[in-house]
Amino acid sequence: MLCFAYVAMLVALLTQMVDPVPVSGFEQHGFSYSIEGLLQLFLSDGGIVLGWTHYLAFDLFAGLWIARDADAKDFARWVQVPILLATFLAGPLGLFIWLIVREKRARKSAAA
């Protein structure tokens, strides 16, 4: 559902079907995939919601993969909880921690 919402918002903002509602004091000048264009997008309410939806979709996807992988490798829930929390709060950090934690067990199960 988050992916669908993200695509709908992205299309609506990029085709200017909806006004991104600029943050007060900042002018909106269209959009481009340049640093300036992304800055302009994130200086709008619509851009912030779009970005937050993007992060939620990917962090929740990564968290689901981590949880399933941890279950398959018989990691206890108490090991999973801080990693999943780190993934939700700072996606790449949690994923990096998980890849390090799982490495030894992943090699062992691959050898078996």
PDB file of N, CA and C in Angstrom:
ATOM      1  N   MET A   1       0.820  -1.190   0.000  1.00  0.00           N
ATOM      2  CA  MET A   1       0.000   0.000   0.000  1.00  0.00           C
ATOM      3  C   MET A   1       0.871   1.264   0.000  1.00  0.00           C
ATOM      4  N   LEU A   2       1.958   1.230   0.798  1.00  0.00           N
ATOM      5  CA  LEU A   2       2.849   2.395   0.835  1.00  0.00           C
ATOM      6  C   LEU A   2       3.480   2.644  -0.525  1.00  0.00           C
ATOM      7  N   CYS A   3       3.833   1.561  -1.226  1.00  0.00           N
ATOM      8  CA  CYS A   3       4.432   1.718  -2.556  1.00  0.00           C
ATOM      9  C   CYS A   3       3.442   2.362  -3.511  1.00  0.00           C
ATOM     10  N   PHE A   4       2.185   1.916  -3.458  1.00  0.00           N
ATOM     11  CA  PHE A   4       1.156   2.507  -4.312  1.00  0.00           C
ATOM     12  C   PHE A   4       0.954   3.982  -3.974  1.00  0.00           C
ATOM     13  N   ALA A   5       0.888   4.300  -2.679  1.00  0.00           N
ATOM     14  CA  ALA A   5       0.714   5.697  -2.258  1.00  0.00           C
ATOM     15  C   ALA A   5       1.885   6.542  -2.731  1.00  0.00           C
ATOM     16  N   TYR A   6       3.096   6.000  -2.629  1.00  0.00           N
ATOM     17  CA  TYR A   6       4.291   6.723  -3.070  1.00  0.00           C
ATOM     18  C   TYR A   6       4.226   7.025  -4.565  1.00  0.00           C
ATOM     19  N   VAL A   7       3.899   6.018  -5.370  1.00  0.00           N
ATOM     20  CA  VAL A   7       3.833   6.213  -6.821  1.00  0.00           C
ATOM     21  C   VAL A   7       2.763   7.243  -7.176  1.00  0.00           C
ATOM     22  N   ALA A   8       1.607   7.143  -6.523  1.00  0.00           N
ATOM     23  CA  ALA A   8       0.520   8.098  -6.791  1.00  0.00           C
ATOM     24  C   ALA A   8       0.954   9.521  -6.448  1.00  0.00           C
ATOM     25  N   MET A   9       1.599   9.696  -5.296  1.00  0.00           N
ATOM     26  CA  MET A   9       2.052  11.038  -4.905  1.00  0.00           C
ATOM     27  C   MET A   9       3.147  11.543  -5.839  1.00  0.00           C
ATOM     28  N   LEU A  10       4.073  10.659  -6.212  1.00  0.00           N
ATOM     29  CA  LEU A  10       5.162  11.053  -7.101  1.00  0.00           C
ATOM     30  C   LEU A  10       4.623  11.528  -8.443  1.00  0.00           C
ATOM     31  N   VAL A  11       3.722  10.762  -9.014  1.00  0.00           N
ATOM     32  CA  VAL A  11       3.122  11.147 -10.300  1.00  0.00           C
ATOM     33  C   VAL A  11       2.365  12.457 -10.157  1.00  0.00           C
ATOM     34  N   ALA A  12       1.578  12.585  -9.094  1.00  0.00           N
ATOM     35  CA  ALA A  12       0.784  13.805  -8.888  1.00  0.00           C
ATOM     36  C   ALA A  12       1.680  15.028  -8.730  1.00  0.00           C
ATOM     37  N   LEU A  13       2.784  14.892  -7.992  1.00  0.00           N
ATOM     38  CA  LEU A  13       3.683  16.036  -7.791  1.00  0.00           C
ATOM     39  C   LEU A  13       4.481  16.362  -9.048  1.00  0.00           C
ATOM     40  N   LEU A  14       5.013  15.336  -9.707  1.00  0.00           N
ATOM     41  CA  LEU A  14       5.858  15.586 -10.877  1.00  0.00           C
ATOM     42  C   LEU A  14       5.073  16.088 -12.085  1.00  0.00           C
ATOM     43  N   THR A  15       3.828  15.668 -12.209  1.00  0.00           N
ATOM     44  CA  THR A  15       2.997  16.153 -13.320  1.00  0.00           C
ATOM     45  C   THR A  15       2.240  17.414 -12.947  1.00  0.00           C
ATOM     46  N   GLN A  16       2.462  17.897 -11.736  1.00  0.00           N
ATOM     47  CA  GLN A  16       1.828  19.093 -11.200  1.00  0.00           C
ATOM     48  C   GLN A  16       0.309  18.998 -11.187  1.00  0.00           C
ATOM     49  N   MET A  17      -0.196  17.759 -10.998  1.00  0.00           N
ATOM     50  CA  MET A  17      -1.635  17.566 -10.830  1.00  0.00           C
ATOM     51  C   MET A  17      -2.078  18.113  -9.476  1.00  0.00           C
ATOM     52  N   VAL A  18      -1.144  18.158  -8.510  1.00  0.00           N
ATOM     53  CA  VAL A  18      -1.411  18.751  -7.195  1.00  0.00           C
ATOM     54  C   VAL A  18      -0.323  19.763  -6.904  1.00  0.00           C
ATOM     55  N   ASP A  19      -0.677  20.736  -6.104  1.00  0.00           N
ATOM     56  CA  ASP A  19       0.285  21.755  -5.687  1.00  0.00           C
ATOM     57  C   ASP A  19       1.064  21.202  -4.500  1.00  0.00           C
ATOM     58  N   PRO A  20       2.391  21.225  -4.536  1.00  0.00           N
ATOM     59  CA  PRO A  20       3.163  20.660  -3.431  1.00  0.00           C
ATOM     60  C   PRO A  20       3.106  21.478  -2.140  1.00  0.00           C
ATOM     61  N   VAL A  21       2.454  22.635  -2.129  1.00  0.00           N
ATOM     62  CA  VAL A  21       2.306  23.524  -0.985  1.00  0.00           C
ATOM     63  C   VAL A  21       3.676  23.864  -0.389  1.00  0.00           C
ATOM     64  N   PRO A  22       4.346  24.853  -0.988  1.00  0.00           N
ATOM     65  CA  PRO A  22       5.678  25.218  -0.495  1.00  0.00           C
ATOM     66  C   PRO A  22       5.653  25.681   0.950  1.00  0.00           C
ATOM     67  N   VAL A  23       6.725  25.390   1.650  1.00  0.00           N
ATOM     68  CA  VAL A  23       6.887  25.882   3.016  1.00  0.00           C
ATOM     69  C   VAL A  23       6.921  27.395   2.940  1.00  0.00           C
ATOM     70  N   SER A  24       6.280  28.063   3.881  1.00  0.00           N
ATOM     71  CA  SER A  24       6.175  29.514   3.800  1.00  0.00           C
ATOM     72  C   SER A  24       7.560  30.164   3.785  1.00  0.00           C
ATOM     73  N   GLY A  25       7.718  31.136   2.916  1.00  0.00           N
ATOM     74  CA  GLY A  25       8.987  31.837   2.762  1.00  0.00           C
ATOM     75  C   GLY A  25       9.854  31.287   1.646  1.00  0.00           C
ATOM     76  N   PHE A  26       9.460  30.163   1.035  1.00  0.00           N
ATOM     77  CA  PHE A  26      10.233  29.572  -0.051  1.00  0.00           C
ATOM     78  C   PHE A  26       9.381  29.472  -1.297  1.00  0.00           C
ATOM     79  N   GLU A  27       9.974  29.828  -2.418  1.00  0.00           N
ATOM     80  CA  GLU A  27       9.272  29.746  -3.700  1.00  0.00           C
ATOM     81  C   GLU A  27       9.532  28.409  -4.364  1.00  0.00           C
ATOM     82  N   GLN A  28       8.519  27.884  -5.034  1.00  0.00           N
ATOM     83  CA  GLN A  28       8.654  26.630  -5.781  1.00  0.00           C
ATOM     84  C   GLN A  28       8.904  26.974  -7.248  1.00  0.00           C
ATOM     85  N   HIS A  29       9.928  26.349  -7.861  1.00  0.00           N
ATOM     86  CA  HIS A  29      10.270  26.642  -9.259  1.00  0.00           C
ATOM     87  C   HIS A  29      10.262  25.389 -10.118  1.00  0.00           C
ATOM     88  N   GLY A  30       9.233  24.573 -10.045  1.00  0.00           N
ATOM     89  CA  GLY A  30       9.215  23.347 -10.827  1.00  0.00           C
ATOM     90  C   GLY A  30      10.082  22.287 -10.168  1.00  0.00           C
ATOM     91  N   PHE A  31      10.388  21.229 -10.904  1.00  0.00           N
ATOM     92  CA  PHE A  31      11.152  20.138 -10.309  1.00  0.00           C
ATOM     93  C   PHE A  31      12.118  19.564 -11.322  1.00  0.00           C
ATOM     94  N   SER A  32      13.298  19.237 -10.844  1.00  0.00           N
ATOM     95  CA  SER A  32      14.270  18.494 -11.645  1.00  0.00           C
ATOM     96  C   SER A  32      15.043  17.594 -10.692  1.00  0.00           C
ATOM     97  N   TYR A  33      15.678  16.561 -11.231  1.00  0.00           N
ATOM     98  CA  TYR A  33      16.450  15.645 -10.400  1.00  0.00           C
ATOM     99  C   TYR A  33      17.851  16.172 -10.144  1.00  0.00           C
ATOM    100  N   SER A  34      17.963  17.451  -9.918  1.00  0.00           N
ATOM    101  CA  SER A  34      19.236  18.053  -9.526  1.00  0.00           C
ATOM    102  C   SER A  34      19.176  18.298  -8.021  1.00  0.00           C
ATOM    103  N   ILE A  35      20.288  18.664  -7.441  1.00  0.00           N
ATOM    104  CA  ILE A  35      20.293  18.976  -6.006  1.00  0.00           C
ATOM    105  C   ILE A  35      19.337  20.128  -5.727  1.00  0.00           C
ATOM    106  N   GLU A  36      19.364  21.144  -6.590  1.00  0.00           N
ATOM    107  CA  GLU A  36      18.474  22.287  -6.393  1.00  0.00           C
ATOM    108  C   GLU A  36      17.009  21.866  -6.514  1.00  0.00           C
ATOM    109  N   GLY A  37      16.716  20.989  -7.489  1.00  0.00           N
ATOM    110  CA  GLY A  37      15.342  20.525  -7.674  1.00  0.00           C
ATOM    111  C   GLY A  37      14.849  19.718  -6.489  1.00  0.00           C
ATOM    112  N   LEU A  38      15.700  18.829  -5.970  1.00  0.00           N
ATOM    113  CA  LEU A  38      15.317  18.041  -4.802  1.00  0.00           C
ATOM    114  C   LEU A  38      15.155  18.925  -3.570  1.00  0.00           C
ATOM    115  N   LEU A  39      16.018  19.906  -3.429  1.00  0.00           N
ATOM    116  CA  LEU A  39      15.892  20.851  -2.322  1.00  0.00           C
ATOM    117  C   LEU A  39      14.552  21.576  -2.398  1.00  0.00           C
ATOM    118  N   GLN A  40      14.190  22.023  -3.596  1.00  0.00           N
ATOM    119  CA  GLN A  40      12.902  22.697  -3.767  1.00  0.00           C
ATOM    120  C   GLN A  40      11.743  21.765  -3.417  1.00  0.00           C
ATOM    121  N   LEU A  41      11.852  20.495  -3.856  1.00  0.00           N
ATOM    122  CA  LEU A  41      10.782  19.536  -3.564  1.00  0.00           C
ATOM    123  C   LEU A  41      10.635  19.336  -2.056  1.00  0.00           C
ATOM    124  N   PHE A  42      11.760  19.189  -1.349  1.00  0.00           N
ATOM    125  CA  PHE A  42      11.695  18.947   0.089  1.00  0.00           C
ATOM    126  C   PHE A  42      11.393  20.201   0.893  1.00  0.00           C
ATOM    127  N   LEU A  43      11.333  21.333   0.242  1.00  0.00           N
ATOM    128  CA  LEU A  43      10.885  22.551   0.908  1.00  0.00           C
ATOM    129  C   LEU A  43       9.377  22.747   0.709  1.00  0.00           C
ATOM    130  N   SER A  44       8.678  21.624   0.480  1.00  0.00           N
ATOM    131  CA  SER A  44       7.221  21.675   0.348  1.00  0.00           C
ATOM    132  C   SER A  44       6.612  20.575   1.203  1.00  0.00           C
ATOM    133  N   ASP A  45       5.392  20.792   1.625  1.00  0.00           N
ATOM    134  CA  ASP A  45       4.691  19.773   2.420  1.00  0.00           C
ATOM    135  C   ASP A  45       4.537  18.481   1.626  1.00  0.00           C
ATOM    136  N   GLY A  46       4.187  18.610   0.341  1.00  0.00           N
ATOM    137  CA  GLY A  46       4.029  17.429  -0.507  1.00  0.00           C
ATOM    138  C   GLY A  46       5.327  16.654  -0.647  1.00  0.00           C
ATOM    139  N   GLY A  47       6.437  17.352  -0.776  1.00  0.00           N
ATOM    140  CA  GLY A  47       7.743  16.700  -0.904  1.00  0.00           C
ATOM    141  C   GLY A  47       8.135  15.972   0.371  1.00  0.00           C
ATOM    142  N   ILE A  48       7.835  16.566   1.513  1.00  0.00           N
ATOM    143  CA  ILE A  48       8.140  15.918   2.794  1.00  0.00           C
ATOM    144  C   ILE A  48       7.327  14.636   2.947  1.00  0.00           C
ATOM    145  N   VAL A  49       6.042  14.686   2.631  1.00  0.00           N
ATOM    146  CA  VAL A  49       5.197  13.485   2.730  1.00  0.00           C
ATOM    147  C   VAL A  49       5.683  12.425   1.742  1.00  0.00           C
ATOM    148  N   LEU A  50       6.047  12.842   0.544  1.00  0.00           N
ATOM    149  CA  LEU A  50       6.573  11.913  -0.455  1.00  0.00           C
ATOM    150  C   LEU A  50       7.851  11.245   0.053  1.00  0.00           C
ATOM    151  N   GLY A  51       8.771  12.030   0.570  1.00  0.00           N
ATOM    152  CA  GLY A  51      10.020  11.485   1.098  1.00  0.00           C
ATOM    153  C   GLY A  51       9.795  10.554   2.273  1.00  0.00           C
ATOM    154  N   TRP A  52       8.922  10.930   3.187  1.00  0.00           N
ATOM    155  CA  TRP A  52       8.642  10.094   4.349  1.00  0.00           C
ATOM    156  C   TRP A  52       8.021   8.763   3.920  1.00  0.00           C
ATOM    157  N   THR A  53       7.115   8.802   2.951  1.00  0.00           N
ATOM    158  CA  THR A  53       6.500   7.568   2.453  1.00  0.00           C
ATOM    159  C   THR A  53       7.563   6.677   1.810  1.00  0.00           C
ATOM    160  N   HIS A  54       8.474   7.285   1.064  1.00  0.00           N
ATOM    161  CA  HIS A  54       9.579   6.552   0.441  1.00  0.00           C
ATOM    162  C   HIS A  54      10.401   5.837   1.507  1.00  0.00           C
ATOM    163  N   TYR A  55      10.792   6.551   2.557  1.00  0.00           N
ATOM    164  CA  TYR A  55      11.596   5.947   3.618  1.00  0.00           C
ATOM    165  C   TYR A  55      10.839   4.845   4.339  1.00  0.00           C
ATOM    166  N   LEU A  56       9.569   5.077   4.644  1.00  0.00           N
ATOM    167  CA  LEU A  56       8.780   4.047   5.324  1.00  0.00           C
ATOM    168  C   LEU A  56       8.684   2.778   4.489  1.00  0.00           C
ATOM    169  N   ALA A  57       8.387   2.914   3.208  1.00  0.00           N
ATOM    170  CA  ALA A  57       8.238   1.741   2.344  1.00  0.00           C
ATOM    171  C   ALA A  57       9.523   0.925   2.311  1.00  0.00           C
ATOM    172  N   PHE A  58      10.651   1.577   2.122  1.00  0.00           N
ATOM    173  CA  PHE A  58      11.915   0.840   2.032  1.00  0.00           C
ATOM    174  C   PHE A  58      12.378   0.320   3.387  1.00  0.00           C
ATOM    175  N   ASP A  59      12.211   1.089   4.456  1.00  0.00           N
ATOM    176  CA  ASP A  59      12.622   0.620   5.774  1.00  0.00           C
ATOM    177  C   ASP A  59      11.763  -0.557   6.229  1.00  0.00           C
ATOM    178  N   LEU A  60      10.471  -0.504   5.970  1.00  0.00           N
ATOM    179  CA  LEU A  60       9.605  -1.622   6.344  1.00  0.00           C
ATOM    180  C   LEU A  60       9.908  -2.858   5.494  1.00  0.00           C
ATOM    181  N   PHE A  61      10.223  -2.674   4.212  1.00  0.00           N
ATOM    182  CA  PHE A  61      10.607  -3.795   3.358  1.00  0.00           C
ATOM    183  C   PHE A  61      11.899  -4.430   3.873  1.00  0.00           C
ATOM    184  N   ALA A  62      12.894  -3.599   4.176  1.00  0.00           N
ATOM    185  CA  ALA A  62      14.169  -4.107   4.698  1.00  0.00           C
ATOM    186  C   ALA A  62      13.949  -4.801   6.040  1.00  0.00           C
ATOM    187  N   GLY A  63      13.106  -4.230   6.903  1.00  0.00           N
ATOM    188  CA  GLY A  63      12.812  -4.848   8.192  1.00  0.00           C
ATOM    189  C   GLY A  63      12.140  -6.198   8.047  1.00  0.00           C
ATOM    190  N   LEU A  64      11.220  -6.310   7.098  1.00  0.00           N
ATOM    191  CA  LEU A  64      10.554  -7.587   6.852  1.00  0.00           C
ATOM    192  C   LEU A  64      11.559  -8.632   6.386  1.00  0.00           C
ATOM    193  N   TRP A  65      12.446  -8.248   5.483  1.00  0.00           N
ATOM    194  CA  TRP A  65      13.466  -9.176   5.002  1.00  0.00           C
ATOM    195  C   TRP A  65      14.384  -9.608   6.147  1.00  0.00           C
ATOM    196  N   ILE A  66      14.801  -8.643   6.981  1.00  0.00           N
ATOM    197  CA  ILE A  66      15.675  -8.953   8.120  1.00  0.00           C
ATOM    198  C   ILE A  66      14.973  -9.929   9.066  1.00  0.00           C
ATOM    199  N   ALA A  67      13.712  -9.663   9.409  1.00  0.00           N
ATOM    200  CA  ALA A  67      12.975 -10.526  10.328  1.00  0.00           C
ATOM    201  C   ALA A  67      12.824 -11.936   9.772  1.00  0.00           C
ATOM    202  N   ARG A  68      12.492 -12.058   8.504  1.00  0.00           N
ATOM    203  CA  ARG A  68      12.349 -13.391   7.895  1.00  0.00           C
ATOM    204  C   ARG A  68      13.692 -14.112   7.826  1.00  0.00           C
ATOM    205  N   ASP A  69      14.733 -13.386   7.484  1.00  0.00           N
ATOM    206  CA  ASP A  69      16.063 -13.976   7.414  1.00  0.00           C
ATOM    207  C   ASP A  69      16.528 -14.406   8.801  1.00  0.00           C
ATOM    208  N   ALA A  70      16.272 -13.571   9.809  1.00  0.00           N
ATOM    209  CA  ALA A  70      16.658 -13.905  11.183  1.00  0.00           C
ATOM    210  C   ALA A  70      15.906 -15.134  11.678  1.00  0.00           C
ATOM    211  N   ASP A  71      14.621 -15.227  11.369  1.00  0.00           N
ATOM    212  CA  ASP A  71      13.843 -16.403  11.757  1.00  0.00           C
ATOM    213  C   ASP A  71      14.392 -17.657  11.075  1.00  0.00           C
ATOM    214  N   ALA A  72      14.718 -17.548   9.804  1.00  0.00           N
ATOM    215  CA  ALA A  72      15.241 -18.698   9.057  1.00  0.00           C
ATOM    216  C   ALA A  72      16.593 -19.159   9.604  1.00  0.00           C
ATOM    217  N   LYS A  73      17.340 -18.238  10.180  1.00  0.00           N
ATOM    218  CA  LYS A  73      18.659 -18.569  10.721  1.00  0.00           C
ATOM    219  C   LYS A  73      18.612 -18.772  12.234  1.00  0.00           C
ATOM    220  N   ASP A  74      17.404 -18.868  12.783  1.00  0.00           N
ATOM    221  CA  ASP A  74      17.174 -19.144  14.212  1.00  0.00           C
ATOM    222  C   ASP A  74      17.792 -18.119  15.156  1.00  0.00           C
ATOM    223  N   PHE A  75      17.708 -16.851  14.818  1.00  0.00           N
ATOM    224  CA  PHE A  75      18.128 -15.797  15.736  1.00  0.00           C
ATOM    225  C   PHE A  75      16.978 -15.505  16.691  1.00  0.00           C
ATOM    226  N   ALA A  76      17.297 -15.323  17.956  1.00  0.00           N
ATOM    227  CA  ALA A  76      16.282 -15.024  18.970  1.00  0.00           C
ATOM    228  C   ALA A  76      15.673 -13.642  18.718  1.00  0.00           C
ATOM    229  N   ARG A  77      14.450 -13.459  19.202  1.00  0.00           N
ATOM    230  CA  ARG A  77      13.769 -12.164  19.028  1.00  0.00           C
ATOM    231  C   ARG A  77      14.535 -11.039  19.711  1.00  0.00           C
ATOM    232  N   TRP A  78      15.157 -11.305  20.870  1.00  0.00           N
ATOM    233  CA  TRP A  78      15.882 -10.248  21.574  1.00  0.00           C
ATOM    234  C   TRP A  78      17.065  -9.746  20.756  1.00  0.00           C
ATOM    235  N   VAL A  79      17.572 -10.561  19.839  1.00  0.00           N
ATOM    236  CA  VAL A  79      18.636 -10.122  18.941  1.00  0.00           C
ATOM    237  C   VAL A  79      18.031  -9.279  17.810  1.00  0.00           C
ATOM    238  N   GLN A  80      16.853  -9.674  17.359  1.00  0.00           N
ATOM    239  CA  GLN A  80      16.203  -8.998  16.232  1.00  0.00           C
ATOM    240  C   GLN A  80      15.690  -7.605  16.592  1.00  0.00           C
ATOM    241  N   VAL A  81      15.162  -7.439  17.800  1.00  0.00           N
ATOM    242  CA  VAL A  81      14.483  -6.193  18.166  1.00  0.00           C
ATOM    243  C   VAL A  81      15.357  -4.949  17.981  1.00  0.00           C
ATOM    244  N   PRO A  82      16.576  -4.886  18.536  1.00  0.00           N
ATOM    245  CA  PRO A  82      17.358  -3.655  18.341  1.00  0.00           C
ATOM    246  C   PRO A  82      17.749  -3.425  16.882  1.00  0.00           C
ATOM    247  N   ILE A  83      17.953  -4.498  16.152  1.00  0.00           N
ATOM    248  CA  ILE A  83      18.313  -4.358  14.736  1.00  0.00           C
ATOM    249  C   ILE A  83      17.122  -3.822  13.942  1.00  0.00           C
ATOM    250  N   LEU A  84      15.937  -4.356  14.230  1.00  0.00           N
ATOM    251  CA  LEU A  84      14.734  -3.883  13.536  1.00  0.00           C
ATOM    252  C   LEU A  84      14.417  -2.438  13.918  1.00  0.00           C
ATOM    253  N   LEU A  85      14.643  -2.071  15.165  1.00  0.00           N
ATOM    254  CA  LEU A  85      14.438  -0.687  15.584  1.00  0.00           C
ATOM    255  C   LEU A  85      15.411   0.236  14.849  1.00  0.00           C
ATOM    256  N   ALA A  86      16.668  -0.171  14.767  1.00  0.00           N
ATOM    257  CA  ALA A  86      17.657   0.627  14.019  1.00  0.00           C
ATOM    258  C   ALA A  86      17.268   0.741  12.553  1.00  0.00           C
ATOM    259  N   THR A  87      16.715  -0.324  11.990  1.00  0.00           N
ATOM    260  CA  THR A  87      16.279  -0.298  10.590  1.00  0.00           C
ATOM    261  C   THR A  87      15.128   0.666  10.392  1.00  0.00           C
ATOM    262  N   PHE A  88      14.193   0.683  11.322  1.00  0.00           N
ATOM    263  CA  PHE A  88      13.055   1.586  11.206  1.00  0.00           C
ATOM    264  C   PHE A  88      13.486   3.042  11.364  1.00  0.00           C
ATOM    265  N   LEU A  89      14.407   3.306  12.277  1.00  0.00           N
ATOM    266  CA  LEU A  89      14.823   4.681  12.536  1.00  0.00           C
ATOM    267  C   LEU A  89      15.878   5.186  11.557  1.00  0.00           C
ATOM    268  N   ALA A  90      16.750   4.305  11.102  1.00  0.00           N
ATOM    269  CA  ALA A  90      17.837   4.695  10.198  1.00  0.00           C
ATOM    270  C   ALA A  90      18.145   3.493   9.311  1.00  0.00           C
ATOM    271  N   GLY A  91      17.288   3.247   8.319  1.00  0.00           N
ATOM    272  CA  GLY A  91      17.308   2.055   7.482  1.00  0.00           C
ATOM    273  C   GLY A  91      18.663   1.460   7.149  1.00  0.00           C
ATOM    274  N   PRO A  92      19.534   2.206   6.497  1.00  0.00           N
ATOM    275  CA  PRO A  92      20.820   1.618   6.110  1.00  0.00           C
ATOM    276  C   PRO A  92      21.670   1.186   7.304  1.00  0.00           C
ATOM    277  N   LEU A  93      21.571   1.870   8.432  1.00  0.00           N
ATOM    278  CA  LEU A  93      22.322   1.485   9.625  1.00  0.00           C
ATOM    279  C   LEU A  93      21.857   0.117  10.122  1.00  0.00           C
ATOM    280  N   GLY A  94      20.548  -0.071  10.245  1.00  0.00           N
ATOM    281  CA  GLY A  94      20.011  -1.352  10.693  1.00  0.00           C
ATOM    282  C   GLY A  94      20.359  -2.479   9.737  1.00  0.00           C
ATOM    283  N   LEU A  95      20.254  -2.220   8.444  1.00  0.00           N
ATOM    284  CA  LEU A  95      20.601  -3.242   7.453  1.00  0.00           C
ATOM    285  C   LEU A  95      22.078  -3.598   7.552  1.00  0.00           C
ATOM    286  N   PHE A  96      22.942  -2.613   7.707  1.00  0.00           N
ATOM    287  CA  PHE A  96      24.383  -2.846   7.843  1.00  0.00           C
ATOM    288  C   PHE A  96      24.682  -3.694   9.084  1.00  0.00           C
ATOM    289  N   ILE A  97      24.044  -3.356  10.209  1.00  0.00           N
ATOM    290  CA  ILE A  97      24.234  -4.132  11.436  1.00  0.00           C
ATOM    291  C   ILE A  97      23.800  -5.579  11.214  1.00  0.00           C
ATOM    292  N   TRP A  98      22.642  -5.760  10.570  1.00  0.00           N
ATOM    293  CA  TRP A  98      22.147  -7.121  10.336  1.00  0.00           C
ATOM    294  C   TRP A  98      23.099  -7.907   9.448  1.00  0.00           C
ATOM    295  N   LEU A  99      23.616  -7.307   8.414  1.00  0.00           N
ATOM    296  CA  LEU A  99      24.523  -8.021   7.510  1.00  0.00           C
ATOM    297  C   LEU A  99      25.790  -8.471   8.242  1.00  0.00           C
ATOM    298  N   ILE A 100      26.241  -7.678   9.189  1.00  0.00           N
ATOM    299  CA  ILE A 100      27.412  -8.063   9.978  1.00  0.00           C
ATOM    300  C   ILE A 100      27.051  -9.184  10.957  1.00  0.00           C
ATOM    301  N   VAL A 101      25.917  -9.041  11.664  1.00  0.00           N
ATOM    302  CA  VAL A 101      25.509 -10.022  12.671  1.00  0.00           C
ATOM    303  C   VAL A 101      25.233 -11.387  12.042  1.00  0.00           C
ATOM    304  N   ARG A 102      24.643 -11.418  10.888  1.00  0.00           N
ATOM    305  CA  ARG A 102      24.232 -12.678  10.276  1.00  0.00           C
ATOM    306  C   ARG A 102      25.352 -13.397   9.540  1.00  0.00           C
ATOM    307  N   GLU A 103      26.439 -12.731   9.279  1.00  0.00           N
ATOM    308  CA  GLU A 103      27.490 -13.266   8.395  1.00  0.00           C
ATOM    309  C   GLU A 103      27.986 -14.639   8.811  1.00  0.00           C
ATOM    310  N   LYS A 104      28.350 -14.818  10.071  1.00  0.00           N
ATOM    311  CA  LYS A 104      28.902 -16.088  10.515  1.00  0.00           C
ATOM    312  C   LYS A 104      27.897 -17.234  10.354  1.00  0.00           C
ATOM    313  N   ARG A 105      26.653 -16.973  10.759  1.00  0.00           N
ATOM    314  CA  ARG A 105      25.631 -18.014  10.638  1.00  0.00           C
ATOM    315  C   ARG A 105      25.273 -18.292   9.183  1.00  0.00           C
ATOM    316  N   ALA A 106      25.289 -17.258   8.357  1.00  0.00           N
ATOM    317  CA  ALA A 106      24.977 -17.441   6.933  1.00  0.00           C
ATOM    318  C   ALA A 106      26.051 -18.307   6.269  1.00  0.00           C
ATOM    319  N   ARG A 107      27.314 -18.081   6.597  1.00  0.00           N
ATOM    320  CA  ARG A 107      28.407 -18.902   6.037  1.00  0.00           C
ATOM    321  C   ARG A 107      28.299 -20.355   6.520  1.00  0.00           C
ATOM    322  N   LYS A 108      27.943 -20.520   7.798  1.00  0.00           N
ATOM    323  CA  LYS A 108      27.823 -21.855   8.356  1.00  0.00           C
ATOM    324  C   LYS A 108      26.698 -22.638   7.664  1.00  0.00           C
ATOM    325  N   SER A 109      25.542 -21.992   7.456  1.00  0.00           N
ATOM    326  CA  SER A 109      24.425 -22.681   6.820  1.00  0.00           C
ATOM    327  C   SER A 109      24.674 -22.922   5.330  1.00  0.00           C
ATOM    328  N   ALA A 110      25.469 -22.070   4.700  1.00  0.00           N
ATOM    329  CA  ALA A 110      25.797 -22.271   3.283  1.00  0.00           C
ATOM    330  C   ALA A 110      26.752 -23.454   3.114  1.00  0.00           C
ATOM    331  N   ALA A 111      27.618 -23.655   4.097  1.00  0.00           N
ATOM    332  CA  ALA A 111      28.569 -24.750   4.035  1.00  0.00           C
ATOM    333  C   ALA A 111      27.903 -26.099   4.303  1.00  0.00           C
ATOM    334  N   ALA A 112      26.789 -26.077   5.031  1.00  0.00           N
ATOM    335  CA  ALA A 112      26.114 -27.336   5.399  1.00  0.00           C
ATOM    336  C   ALA A 112      25.306 -27.931   4.286  1.00  0.00           C
TER     337      ALA A 112
END
